[in-house]
Protein backbone atom coordinates (compact mmCIF):
# COMPACT_ATOMS: atom_id res chain seq x y z
CA MET A 1 -0.18 0.09 0.07
CA ARG A 2 2.52 2.20 1.19
CA LYS A 3 4.84 1.38 -2.21
CA THR A 4 1.85 2.99 -4.24
CA ILE A 5 0.78 5.46 -2.42
CA LEU A 6 5.08 7.24 -2.97
CA ALA A 7 4.69 5.94 -6.82
CA ILE A 8 1.89 8.49 -6.53
CA LEU A 9 3.78 11.24 -4.57
CA ILE A 10 6.64 10.75 -6.55
CA LEU A 11 4.23 11.43 -9.55
CA ALA A 12 2.30 14.30 -7.50
CA CYS A 13 6.32 15.89 -7.20
CA PHE A 14 7.48 15.51 -10.32
CA SER A 15 4.02 17.03 -12.09
CA PHE A 16 3.87 19.85 -9.54
CA GLY A 17 7.30 20.65 -8.67
CA GLN A 18 6.59 20.50 -4.79
CA ASP A 19 7.15 18.47 -2.28
CA VAL A 20 4.07 16.03 -0.62
CA ILE A 21 2.78 16.65 2.90
CA GLU A 22 2.63 13.48 4.92
CA ASN A 23 0.75 13.72 7.58
CA PRO A 24 0.33 10.13 9.90
CA GLY A 25 -2.14 7.90 10.56
CA LYS A 26 -4.17 9.29 13.54
CA PRO A 27 -4.73 13.21 13.35
CA THR A 28 -2.94 15.69 15.56
CA GLY A 29 -4.89 18.46 17.37
CA SER A 30 -7.52 16.18 19.06
CA ARG A 31 -8.73 14.34 22.66
CA ASN A 32 -11.63 12.92 20.68
CA ALA A 33 -10.77 11.76 16.63
CA GLY A 34 -12.81 9.19 16.08
CA ARG A 35 -15.67 9.75 18.46
CA ILE A 36 -18.91 8.99 16.28
CA PHE A 37 -22.02 11.26 15.13
CA ASP A 38 -25.54 9.95 15.02
CA LEU A 39 -27.92 12.15 12.98
CA GLU A 40 -30.89 13.68 14.25
CA GLU A 41 -33.70 14.75 11.95
CA VAL A 42 -34.82 18.75 12.49
CA LEU A 43 -36.66 18.84 8.53
CA SER A 44 -37.92 17.97 6.16
CA ILE A 45 -38.81 19.03 2.51
CA GLN A 46 -40.95 17.10 0.83
CA ASP A 47 -42.32 17.64 -2.62
CA THR A 48 -45.92 19.51 -2.90
CA GLY A 49 -46.67 18.96 -6.50
CA ASP A 50 -47.20 22.70 -6.77
CA GLU A 51 -45.28 25.63 -6.45
CA TYR A 52 -42.13 22.79 -6.45
CA TYR A 53 -41.61 18.90 -7.32
CA PHE A 54 -39.02 16.56 -7.51
CA LYS A 55 -38.20 14.48 -9.76
CA TYR A 56 -33.85 13.40 -10.22
CA PRO A 57 -33.22 16.51 -7.41
CA SER A 58 -29.00 16.13 -7.16
CA ASN A 59 -27.01 19.46 -6.29
CA LEU A 60 -27.72 20.20 -3.08
CA LYS A 61 -26.27 23.22 -1.53
CA ILE A 62 -26.12 26.27 1.33
CA ALA A 63 -25.76 29.48 0.63
CA PRO A 64 -23.96 31.93 3.28
CA ASP A 65 -27.60 32.67 4.26
CA GLY A 66 -28.49 29.24 5.63
CA SER A 67 -30.58 28.55 2.89
CA ILE A 68 -31.75 25.88 0.91
CA PHE A 69 -30.94 25.68 -2.68
CA VAL A 70 -31.41 22.68 -5.06
CA GLN A 71 -31.51 22.08 -8.64
CA ASP A 72 -33.57 18.84 -10.55
CA TRP A 73 -32.99 19.08 -13.96
CA SER A 74 -36.13 16.99 -15.07
CA SER A 75 -38.58 19.22 -12.99
CA LYS A 76 -35.81 22.61 -14.45
CA LEU A 77 -35.52 23.07 -11.03
CA LEU A 78 -33.17 25.45 -9.11
CA GLY A 79 -34.79 25.84 -6.18
CA ARG A 80 -34.53 27.91 -3.07
CA PHE A 81 -36.32 27.24 1.09
CA ASP A 82 -35.24 29.20 3.62
CA ALA A 83 -33.15 27.40 6.66
CA ASP A 84 -36.72 26.30 7.92
CA GLY A 85 -37.34 24.87 4.35
CA LYS A 86 -40.50 27.07 3.52
CA PHE A 87 -40.31 27.10 -0.25
CA LEU A 88 -38.05 30.97 -0.92
CA ARG A 89 -38.02 31.14 -5.54
CA ASP A 90 -37.10 29.16 -8.60
CA TYR A 91 -34.79 30.90 -10.66
CA PHE A 92 -34.90 28.57 -13.12
CA ARG A 93 -36.54 30.65 -15.92
CA GLU A 94 -36.65 27.97 -18.81
CA GLY A 95 -36.11 29.76 -22.50
CA GLN A 96 -32.98 30.78 -24.43
CA GLY A 97 -33.15 34.31 -23.65
CA PRO A 98 -31.41 36.83 -21.89
CA GLY A 99 -32.15 35.86 -18.38
CA GLU A 100 -33.21 32.37 -19.29
CA LEU A 101 -32.02 29.21 -18.71
CA ASP A 102 -32.34 25.92 -20.71
CA SER A 103 -29.94 23.34 -17.89
CA VAL A 104 -28.34 24.44 -14.93
CA GLY A 105 -24.15 22.51 -15.33
CA ASN A 106 -23.18 23.69 -11.93
CA TYR A 107 -24.08 26.89 -9.86
CA PHE A 108 -22.25 28.51 -6.99
CA PHE A 109 -22.73 32.29 -4.51
CA ALA A 110 -20.54 34.86 -4.84
CA ASP A 111 -20.48 38.53 -4.40
CA GLY A 112 -24.18 37.91 -3.49
CA ASN A 113 -25.41 37.14 -6.37
CA ILE A 114 -25.68 32.90 -7.95
CA VAL A 115 -23.59 31.84 -10.58
CA ILE A 116 -24.78 29.61 -13.28
CA TYR A 117 -22.92 28.07 -16.07
CA ASP A 118 -25.32 26.53 -18.33
CA SER A 119 -24.06 23.70 -20.48
CA ALA A 120 -26.16 23.95 -23.02
CA LEU A 121 -26.04 26.81 -23.80
CA GLN A 122 -22.92 27.71 -23.17
CA LYS A 123 -23.35 31.10 -20.95
CA ILE A 124 -22.80 32.08 -17.28
CA LEU A 125 -25.55 33.71 -16.10
CA ARG A 126 -25.89 36.21 -12.89
CA LEU A 127 -28.72 36.81 -10.56
CA ASP A 128 -28.96 38.11 -7.10
CA PHE A 129 -31.22 36.30 -4.44
CA GLU A 130 -34.06 37.71 -6.41
CA GLY A 131 -33.41 36.33 -9.52
CA LYS A 132 -33.20 39.79 -11.25
CA THR A 133 -30.05 39.53 -14.21
CA VAL A 134 -26.86 41.05 -12.82
CA GLU A 135 -24.59 39.80 -15.77
CA GLU A 136 -24.79 37.48 -18.40
CA PHE A 137 -22.24 36.04 -21.87
CA LYS A 138 -20.94 33.17 -23.47
CA VAL A 139 -18.25 30.70 -22.20
CA LEU A 140 -18.16 28.49 -24.86
CA ARG A 141 -16.63 25.09 -24.19
CA THR A 142 -13.38 23.96 -25.03
CA ALA A 143 -14.27 20.38 -24.69
CA ARG A 144 -16.75 17.74 -24.91
CA ARG A 145 -16.40 18.00 -21.01
CA PHE A 146 -16.62 20.77 -18.98
CA GLU A 147 -17.53 21.28 -16.12
CA PHE A 148 -17.57 24.90 -13.81
CA ALA A 149 -15.87 24.36 -11.03
CA PHE A 150 -16.22 27.71 -8.86
CA CYS A 151 -15.46 31.55 -9.54
CA ARG A 152 -13.63 34.35 -8.29
CA ASN A 153 -14.44 37.71 -9.68
CA ALA A 154 -14.49 37.59 -12.91
CA ALA A 155 -12.35 34.98 -13.71
CA TYR A 156 -14.54 31.44 -14.17
CA TYR A 157 -12.54 27.61 -13.53
CA PHE A 158 -13.67 25.13 -15.83
CA ILE A 159 -12.79 20.87 -15.51
CA GLN A 160 -12.42 20.18 -19.01
CA HIS A 161 -11.39 16.56 -20.72
CA ASN A 162 -12.16 14.99 -23.44
CA VAL A 163 -12.09 10.28 -23.87
CA SER A 164 -10.35 8.47 -26.84
CA PHE A 165 -11.69 5.49 -28.41
CA GLU A 166 -9.26 5.18 -30.55
CA SER A 167 -9.57 1.51 -30.26
CA THR A 168 -12.54 -1.12 -30.50
CA LYS A 169 -10.97 -3.42 -28.21
CA PRO A 170 -11.15 -2.58 -23.94
CA THR A 171 -8.54 -1.26 -22.96
CA TYR A 172 -6.61 0.90 -19.30
CA ILE A 173 -6.18 4.72 -20.31
CA ASP A 174 -4.70 7.34 -18.63
CA VAL A 175 -7.05 10.63 -19.79
CA PRO A 176 -6.14 14.13 -19.88
CA TYR A 177 -7.43 16.98 -17.80
CA GLN A 178 -7.08 20.72 -17.51
CA LEU A 179 -8.09 22.93 -14.51
CA VAL A 180 -8.72 26.12 -16.87
CA VAL A 181 -9.53 29.67 -17.00
CA PHE A 182 -12.10 31.67 -18.36
CA ASN A 183 -11.04 35.77 -18.04
CA VAL A 184 -14.24 38.07 -18.87
CA GLY A 185 -12.65 40.50 -21.57
CA GLY A 186 -10.69 37.21 -22.38
CA ASP A 187 -10.23 35.88 -25.75
CA GLY A 188 -10.88 32.29 -24.11
CA THR A 189 -10.48 29.76 -21.92
CA ASP A 190 -6.18 29.65 -20.53
CA PRO A 191 -4.89 26.13 -19.57
CA LEU A 192 -3.74 26.79 -15.53
CA VAL A 193 -2.90 22.84 -15.11
CA SER A 194 -3.11 19.02 -15.95
CA PHE A 195 -4.06 15.89 -14.86
CA SER A 196 -4.42 12.16 -15.70
CA LEU A 197 -7.12 10.07 -14.72
CA SER A 198 -7.39 6.48 -15.60
CA ALA A 199 -10.29 5.07 -17.61
CA TYR A 200 -11.40 1.89 -18.90
CA VAL A 201 -12.42 2.61 -22.23
CA VAL A 202 -14.44 0.51 -25.00
CA GLY A 203 -14.63 2.42 -28.22
CA SER A 204 -16.86 1.38 -31.25
CA GLY A 205 -15.53 2.50 -34.29
CA GLY A 206 -16.12 5.42 -35.83
CA GLY A 207 -14.29 8.05 -33.03
CA GLY A 208 -17.58 6.77 -30.49
CA GLY A 209 -17.71 4.31 -28.02
CA GLY A 210 -18.02 4.78 -24.15
CA TYR A 211 -16.07 4.22 -20.61
CA PHE A 212 -15.78 3.82 -16.86
CA PRO A 213 -13.64 5.86 -14.76
CA LEU A 214 -11.54 4.45 -12.66
CA ASP A 215 -10.39 7.65 -11.04
CA GLN A 216 -12.67 9.81 -9.97
CA MET A 217 -11.93 13.86 -10.25
CA ILE A 218 -13.73 14.90 -7.08
CA THR A 219 -13.91 19.13 -6.14
CA ALA A 220 -14.69 21.09 -3.46
CA PRO A 221 -14.54 25.41 -3.55
CA LEU A 222 -13.63 27.16 -0.13
CA GLU A 223 -14.27 30.66 -0.35
CA ASN A 224 -14.18 31.57 -3.79
CA ARG A 225 -10.47 31.64 -3.89
CA TYR A 226 -9.19 27.94 -3.37
CA LEU A 227 -10.37 24.53 -4.68
CA PHE A 228 -9.83 21.46 -3.13
CA ILE A 229 -8.95 19.01 -5.26
CA SER A 230 -9.17 14.94 -4.74
CA ARG A 231 -7.74 13.32 -8.48
CA LYS A 232 -6.04 9.43 -7.46
CA GLN A 233 -8.42 6.40 -5.96
CA GLU A 234 -5.14 6.88 -3.65
CA TYR A 235 -5.37 8.92 -0.57
CA LEU A 236 -3.96 12.39 -1.94
CA LEU A 237 -5.02 16.09 -1.95
CA GLU A 238 -4.71 18.74 -4.00
CA LEU A 239 -5.06 22.63 -3.12
CA PHE A 240 -5.33 25.53 -6.29
CA ASP A 241 -5.26 28.85 -4.95
CA ALA A 242 -7.20 31.22 -7.75
CA GLU A 243 -4.66 33.85 -6.70
CA THR A 244 -1.60 32.25 -7.91
CA ASP A 245 -3.85 29.96 -10.28
CA THR A 246 -1.18 27.01 -9.17
CA ILE A 247 -1.72 23.90 -7.24
CA VAL A 248 0.10 24.87 -3.54
CA ARG A 249 -0.20 22.54 -1.61
CA SER A 250 -0.99 18.13 -1.86
CA PHE A 251 -0.92 16.47 0.88
CA THR A 252 -1.95 13.26 2.77
CA ARG A 253 -1.99 10.20 5.61
CA ASP A 254 -1.18 7.30 5.99
CA TYR A 255 -4.33 5.45 5.74
CA LYS A 256 -4.96 1.63 4.60
CA ARG A 257 -7.46 0.23 2.26
CA VAL A 258 -10.35 -0.76 1.92
CA LYS A 259 -11.67 -3.80 0.25
CA PRO A 260 -15.19 -3.92 -2.08
CA SER A 261 -17.52 -6.15 0.17
CA SER A 262 -19.36 -8.50 -1.90
CA GLU A 263 -22.44 -5.72 -1.27
CA TYR A 264 -20.44 -3.65 -2.56
CA LYS A 265 -19.79 -5.47 -6.19
CA GLU A 266 -23.46 -5.90 -6.14
CA MET A 267 -24.46 -2.69 -6.11
CA LEU A 268 -21.88 -1.83 -8.72
CA GLU A 269 -23.33 -4.83 -10.59
CA LYS A 270 -27.52 -3.68 -10.58
CA GLY A 271 -26.25 0.41 -10.81
CA GLY A 272 -25.81 -1.47 -14.92
CA GLY A 273 -23.13 -0.32 -18.01
CA MET A 274 -23.11 0.41 -21.64
CA ILE A 275 -24.60 -1.34 -24.21
CA ILE A 276 -21.66 -1.16 -27.05
CA GLY A 277 -22.05 -2.83 -30.13
CA GLY A 278 -24.39 -4.98 -28.99
CA LYS A 279 -22.37 -6.39 -26.18
CA ARG A 280 -23.24 -5.40 -22.16
CA TYR A 281 -20.00 -3.60 -20.47
CA THR A 282 -19.58 -3.31 -16.64
CA LYS A 283 -17.09 -1.83 -14.73
CA PRO A 284 -14.22 -4.13 -14.17
CA PRO A 285 -13.19 -4.98 -10.83
CA GLN A 286 -11.08 -3.17 -8.88
CA LYS A 287 -9.17 -4.67 -5.69
CA TYR A 288 -10.07 -1.81 -3.10
CA ARG A 289 -12.59 1.06 -3.55
CA SER A 290 -11.54 5.00 -3.65
CA ASP A 291 -9.83 5.71 -1.12
CA ILE A 292 -11.65 9.43 -1.00
CA GLN A 293 -15.25 9.11 -1.16
CA ASN A 294 -16.60 12.85 -1.15
CA LEU A 295 -15.57 16.27 -0.53
CA PHE A 296 -17.04 19.26 1.78
CA VAL A 297 -16.08 22.21 3.32
CA ASP A 298 -17.15 23.43 6.91
CA GLY A 299 -15.69 26.84 7.71
CA ASP A 300 -11.81 27.34 6.53
CA GLU A 301 -11.46 23.21 6.62
CA LEU A 302 -11.64 20.52 4.77
CA TRP A 303 -13.50 16.80 5.67
CA VAL A 304 -13.49 13.81 3.42
CA MET A 305 -15.21 10.57 3.54
CA THR A 306 -13.65 7.82 3.48
CA SER A 307 -13.79 4.52 1.77
CA THR A 308 -13.44 3.13 6.22
CA GLU A 309 -17.30 2.50 7.00
CA ASP A 310 -17.75 0.16 10.14
CA LYS A 311 -21.05 -1.43 10.47
CA LYS A 312 -21.58 -0.06 14.98
CA LYS A 313 -19.57 3.44 14.30
CA GLY A 314 -19.92 4.29 10.41
CA ILE A 315 -18.44 6.02 7.73
CA LEU A 316 -15.16 7.51 8.62
CA PHE A 317 -14.53 11.21 8.08
CA ASP A 318 -10.72 13.43 8.15
CA VAL A 319 -10.39 16.09 8.63
CA PHE A 320 -7.81 19.15 7.20
CA ASP A 321 -6.54 22.38 7.94
CA LEU A 322 -5.53 25.18 4.69
CA GLU A 323 -2.20 23.70 5.51
CA GLY A 324 -2.64 20.33 4.48
CA LYS A 325 -2.19 18.99 8.45
CA TYR A 326 -4.70 16.66 9.47
CA ILE A 327 -6.31 17.35 12.67
CA ASP A 328 -9.06 14.86 13.24
CA CYS A 329 -11.55 12.74 11.97
CA PHE A 330 -14.95 10.94 13.47
CA TYR A 331 -17.21 9.28 12.47
CA VAL A 332 -21.08 9.79 11.23
CA ARG A 333 -23.94 7.01 11.82
CA PHE A 334 -26.38 6.90 8.78
CA ASP A 335 -28.80 4.81 9.03
CA GLU A 336 -28.96 1.43 6.39
CA GLU A 337 -31.87 4.18 4.18
CA ASN A 338 -30.02 6.91 4.24
CA PHE A 339 -27.33 5.40 3.55
CA PRO A 340 -25.16 7.53 0.88
CA LYS A 341 -24.62 5.26 -1.57
CA TYR A 342 -21.58 5.80 -3.84
CA GLY A 343 -19.94 8.26 -1.04
CA GLY A 344 -23.22 10.69 -1.34
CA GLY A 345 -22.77 12.16 -4.55
CA ASN A 346 -24.19 15.43 -4.49
CA ARG A 347 -27.30 14.39 -2.80
CA MET A 348 -24.91 15.56 0.81
CA THR A 349 -23.97 18.27 1.88
CA ILE A 350 -22.61 19.41 4.98
CA SER A 351 -23.17 23.02 7.08
CA SER A 352 -21.18 23.35 10.43
CA GLU A 353 -23.23 20.97 13.23
CA PHE A 354 -25.73 20.37 10.26
CA LEU A 355 -25.81 17.61 6.81
CA TYR A 356 -28.29 18.05 4.49
CA LEU A 357 -29.68 14.64 2.08
CA ILE A 358 -31.52 13.72 -0.67
CA GLU A 359 -33.04 10.55 0.05
CA SER A 360 -35.88 8.86 -1.52
CA THR A 361 -38.98 7.49 -0.48
CA PRO A 362 -40.77 4.41 -0.24
CA ASP A 363 -43.40 5.83 -2.62
CA GLU A 364 -40.74 6.59 -5.39
CA THR A 365 -40.28 10.31 -4.48
CA TYR A 366 -37.88 11.89 -3.11
CA VAL A 367 -36.94 14.16 0.42
CA ILE A 368 -34.24 16.41 1.48
CA LYS A 369 -33.46 15.67 4.91
CA LYS A 370 -31.45 18.64 7.52
CA TYR A 371 -30.12 16.36 9.84
CA ARG A 372 -28.32 17.62 13.35
CA MET A 373 -24.84 15.43 14.09
CA VAL A 374 -24.83 14.83 17.51
CA ASP A 375 -21.76 14.05 19.24
């Protein structure tokens, strides 16, 4: 395990010209590391079917004022609720004209505005919290995959990549990723940092095909300046600073890797696959689960949702400060029905003492739950 991580660290040092901070397996600075948090429900937001409805809700975020935002690509919703769950507004005005949206690729909060990237219309739309248009302009994507990562002042950061389907035989490849920036008034996007992520690719001829990412790009912005990045199956974190437009810090900790359980393998198998040339392909089996399952920012700390699970304790979360120091860890104990599969994706977020989770119900509807994390 340490040999694998050492190889990753050497690669990271070579790529970014810096040392990697290696933390021990136990955090420093916390007397009660390893404590257990239970979830106490304090709020439930259900589908009214009147002012809004949930079909496939996702991209759950908490605004600086504590209001709750959720996106639903199918029901054309970008909804806002107050901290008590009262529906306030839908910011999605469908159309292709000024102030209108066809889709929401991603959104963030900056300078008292909601900053939205419409991936279909390829534009940035800034709205105030009353829904009035503050600014609107085009940002044409420069790759097939073009994802809005965060913004700072007049600079907008995206992560992009293309996948090559040159071979018609299933193969493993390294996919080149880039973090690029679009500056208002500039000529286009400028590449800043390059990455490499592994994938299992199946080509169908003629440049088409499909792929399963083996590494996973996970990002979490902080203060509209920093971007935490996890991009490898092994435990490695990087910190991008928008003031210098560089990776300023890479860090890890000694981590015992987790093999996938039979239940986890079955869950992946049932999760579907892809049909290429009339043949069904599924994600190839992996010896270990990805060490990092998700990232969350709370204040000026990074919370890392790990692959470590304990039936009695729950899921292990690690805590790092901005200097890359491993300062704390704790478990969060979920009920079986709200257990966050695949790391929770963008259906979960954390703010202060509260954890928010989009859950499915027995009648196949969705509900947003707000929980207090009780020690």
